[in-house]
Amino acid sequence: KQWYQRRVRGQNMPYIFYVAAEHERRKINQSVFAALRNVGSMKSVTVKDLLSMVKDSDSSLHRRLTRCFTNIPGTAQYCKNALLKLRAQEEKFGPCTWFMTTSPAE
């Protein structure tokens, strides 16, 4: 219990920031690996070719990898994905409806 209070309740803030950064780094690595593995045209690309594409700022690589950041909160791709989902829900279900209940006692 004492470990929980020190680590989780905020008494060790550098540790909490480290864990959050490590979690985000791992999500990015997993997303990039999955994107490179799933794209058919990238299966024949070697690490040397990939590094040269990064150094040359290849636009096709940029398009493929922007999809990776849709799972990382705070990125532009994450916000755009959330907006697109919201617009799709609005199109399917209609605009939001707000209800307000009042009573004479208020």
C-alpha atoms as a PDB file:
ATOM      1  CA  LYS A   1       0.000   0.000   0.000  1.00  0.00           C
ATOM      2  CA  GLN A   2       2.836   2.382   0.733  1.00  0.00           C
ATOM      3  CA  TRP A   3       4.295   1.774  -2.744  1.00  0.00           C
ATOM      4  CA  TYR A   4       0.906   2.596  -4.259  1.00  0.00           C
ATOM      5  CA  GLN A   5       0.693   5.863  -2.358  1.00  0.00           C
ATOM      6  CA  ARG A   6       4.197   6.944  -3.401  1.00  0.00           C
ATOM      7  CA  ARG A   7       3.931   5.902  -7.075  1.00  0.00           C
ATOM      8  CA  VAL A   8       0.311   6.473  -8.019  1.00  0.00           C
ATOM      9  CA  ARG A   9      -0.949   9.270  -5.829  1.00  0.00           C
ATOM     10  CA  GLY A  10       1.441  11.802  -7.298  1.00  0.00           C
ATOM     11  CA  GLN A  11       4.172  11.959  -4.706  1.00  0.00           C
ATOM     12  CA  ASN A  12       6.630  10.855  -7.376  1.00  0.00           C
ATOM     13  CA  MET A  13       5.684  13.068 -10.327  1.00  0.00           C
ATOM     14  CA  PRO A  14       8.821  12.411 -12.430  1.00  0.00           C
ATOM     15  CA  TYR A  15       7.974   8.710 -12.381  1.00  0.00           C
ATOM     16  CA  ILE A  16       4.422   9.371 -13.567  1.00  0.00           C
ATOM     17  CA  PHE A  17       5.670  11.566 -16.435  1.00  0.00           C
ATOM     18  CA  TYR A  18       8.247   8.914 -17.348  1.00  0.00           C
ATOM     19  CA  VAL A  19       5.602   6.179 -17.485  1.00  0.00           C
ATOM     20  CA  ALA A  20       3.283   8.349 -19.601  1.00  0.00           C
ATOM     21  CA  ALA A  21       6.081   9.186 -22.044  1.00  0.00           C
ATOM     22  CA  GLU A  22       7.161   5.548 -22.243  1.00  0.00           C
ATOM     23  CA  HIS A  23       3.578   4.459 -22.920  1.00  0.00           C
ATOM     24  CA  GLU A  24       3.230   7.015 -25.706  1.00  0.00           C
ATOM     25  CA  ARG A  25       6.590   5.999 -27.215  1.00  0.00           C
ATOM     26  CA  ARG A  26       5.543   2.353 -27.275  1.00  0.00           C
ATOM     27  CA  LYS A  27       2.218   3.181 -28.929  1.00  0.00           C
ATOM     28  CA  ILE A  28       4.025   5.129 -31.639  1.00  0.00           C
ATOM     29  CA  ASN A  29       6.514   2.292 -32.222  1.00  0.00           C
ATOM     30  CA  GLN A  30       3.733  -0.286 -32.458  1.00  0.00           C
ATOM     31  CA  SER A  31       1.728   1.870 -34.857  1.00  0.00           C
ATOM     32  CA  VAL A  32       4.695   2.553 -37.128  1.00  0.00           C
ATOM     33  CA  PHE A  33       5.652  -1.120 -37.188  1.00  0.00           C
ATOM     34  CA  ALA A  34       2.081  -2.165 -37.993  1.00  0.00           C
ATOM     35  CA  ALA A  35       1.760   0.453 -40.739  1.00  0.00           C
ATOM     36  CA  LEU A  36       5.007  -0.580 -42.392  1.00  0.00           C
ATOM     37  CA  ARG A  37       4.139  -4.267 -42.125  1.00  0.00           C
ATOM     38  CA  ASN A  38       0.605  -3.931 -43.504  1.00  0.00           C
ATOM     39  CA  VAL A  39       1.359  -1.735 -46.513  1.00  0.00           C
ATOM     40  CA  GLY A  40       1.914  -4.035 -49.473  1.00  0.00           C
ATOM     41  CA  SER A  41       4.429  -1.809 -51.233  1.00  0.00           C
ATOM     42  CA  MET A  42       6.591  -1.532 -48.092  1.00  0.00           C
ATOM     43  CA  LYS A  43       7.250  -5.281 -47.705  1.00  0.00           C
ATOM     44  CA  SER A  44      10.247  -5.219 -50.045  1.00  0.00           C
ATOM     45  CA  VAL A  45      11.792  -2.090 -48.484  1.00  0.00           C
ATOM     46  CA  THR A  46      14.974  -2.663 -46.497  1.00  0.00           C
ATOM     47  CA  VAL A  47      16.059  -0.675 -43.458  1.00  0.00           C
ATOM     48  CA  LYS A  48      18.659   1.124 -45.578  1.00  0.00           C
ATOM     49  CA  ASP A  49      15.979   2.174 -48.079  1.00  0.00           C
ATOM     50  CA  LEU A  50      13.687   3.268 -45.255  1.00  0.00           C
ATOM     51  CA  LEU A  51      16.409   5.422 -43.686  1.00  0.00           C
ATOM     52  CA  SER A  52      17.136   7.060 -47.038  1.00  0.00           C
ATOM     53  CA  MET A  53      13.403   7.766 -47.457  1.00  0.00           C
ATOM     54  CA  VAL A  54      13.354   9.436 -44.039  1.00  0.00           C
ATOM     55  CA  LYS A  55      16.449  11.530 -44.829  1.00  0.00           C
ATOM     56  CA  ASP A  56      15.026  12.583 -48.205  1.00  0.00           C
ATOM     57  CA  SER A  57      11.637  13.494 -46.643  1.00  0.00           C
ATOM     58  CA  ASP A  58       9.747  11.220 -49.000  1.00  0.00           C
ATOM     59  CA  SER A  59       6.117  12.359 -49.184  1.00  0.00           C
ATOM     60  CA  SER A  60       4.780   8.837 -49.774  1.00  0.00           C
ATOM     61  CA  LEU A  61       6.355   7.687 -46.505  1.00  0.00           C
ATOM     62  CA  HIS A  62       4.854  10.687 -44.731  1.00  0.00           C
ATOM     63  CA  ARG A  63       1.362   9.790 -45.980  1.00  0.00           C
ATOM     64  CA  ARG A  64       1.766   6.198 -44.841  1.00  0.00           C
ATOM     65  CA  LEU A  65       2.991   7.093 -41.378  1.00  0.00           C
ATOM     66  CA  THR A  66       0.489   9.849 -40.534  1.00  0.00           C
ATOM     67  CA  ARG A  67      -2.061   7.079 -40.108  1.00  0.00           C
ATOM     68  CA  CYS A  68       0.025   5.775 -37.189  1.00  0.00           C
ATOM     69  CA  PHE A  69      -0.720   8.768 -34.994  1.00  0.00           C
ATOM     70  CA  THR A  70      -4.510   8.357 -34.930  1.00  0.00           C
ATOM     71  CA  ASN A  71      -4.182   6.444 -31.634  1.00  0.00           C
ATOM     72  CA  ILE A  72      -2.018   9.024 -29.861  1.00  0.00           C
ATOM     73  CA  PRO A  73      -4.108  11.622 -27.971  1.00  0.00           C
ATOM     74  CA  GLY A  74      -3.085  15.215 -28.610  1.00  0.00           C
ATOM     75  CA  THR A  75      -1.887  14.744 -32.185  1.00  0.00           C
ATOM     76  CA  ALA A  76      -3.583  16.402 -35.130  1.00  0.00           C
ATOM     77  CA  GLN A  77      -4.477  13.014 -36.624  1.00  0.00           C
ATOM     78  CA  TYR A  78      -6.160  11.920 -33.385  1.00  0.00           C
ATOM     79  CA  CYS A  79      -8.284  15.090 -33.291  1.00  0.00           C
ATOM     80  CA  LYS A  80      -9.162  14.783 -36.978  1.00  0.00           C
ATOM     81  CA  ASN A  81     -10.186  11.149 -36.501  1.00  0.00           C
ATOM     82  CA  ALA A  82     -12.405  12.096 -33.536  1.00  0.00           C
ATOM     83  CA  LEU A  83     -14.006  14.888 -35.577  1.00  0.00           C
ATOM     84  CA  LEU A  84     -14.702  12.531 -38.486  1.00  0.00           C
ATOM     85  CA  LYS A  85     -16.304  10.003 -36.119  1.00  0.00           C
ATOM     86  CA  LEU A  86     -18.465  12.742 -34.610  1.00  0.00           C
ATOM     87  CA  ARG A  87     -19.578  13.947 -38.044  1.00  0.00           C
ATOM     88  CA  ALA A  88     -20.427  10.383 -39.068  1.00  0.00           C
ATOM     89  CA  GLN A  89     -22.555   9.934 -35.940  1.00  0.00           C
ATOM     90  CA  GLU A  90     -24.307  13.224 -36.600  1.00  0.00           C
ATOM     91  CA  GLU A  91     -25.030  12.180 -40.175  1.00  0.00           C
ATOM     92  CA  LYS A  92     -26.375   8.802 -39.100  1.00  0.00           C
ATOM     93  CA  PHE A  93     -28.336   9.787 -35.976  1.00  0.00           C
ATOM     94  CA  GLY A  94     -29.075  13.459 -36.645  1.00  0.00           C
ATOM     95  CA  PRO A  95     -28.022  16.557 -34.726  1.00  0.00           C
ATOM     96  CA  CYS A  96     -27.588  16.498 -30.961  1.00  0.00           C
ATOM     97  CA  THR A  97     -30.645  17.118 -28.853  1.00  0.00           C
ATOM     98  CA  TRP A  98     -30.433  18.762 -25.463  1.00  0.00           C
ATOM     99  CA  PHE A  99     -33.073  18.179 -22.826  1.00  0.00           C
ATOM    100  CA  MET A 100     -33.663  20.356 -19.829  1.00  0.00           C
ATOM    101  CA  THR A 101     -36.050  19.565 -17.045  1.00  0.00           C
ATOM    102  CA  THR A 102     -37.228  22.273 -14.694  1.00  0.00           C
ATOM    103  CA  SER A 103     -39.561  22.285 -11.781  1.00  0.00           C
ATOM    104  CA  PRO A 104     -41.289  25.052  -9.827  1.00  0.00           C
ATOM    105  CA  ALA A 105     -39.126  24.234  -6.807  1.00  0.00           C
ATOM    106  CA  GLU A 106     -35.960  25.471  -8.555  1.00  0.00           C
END
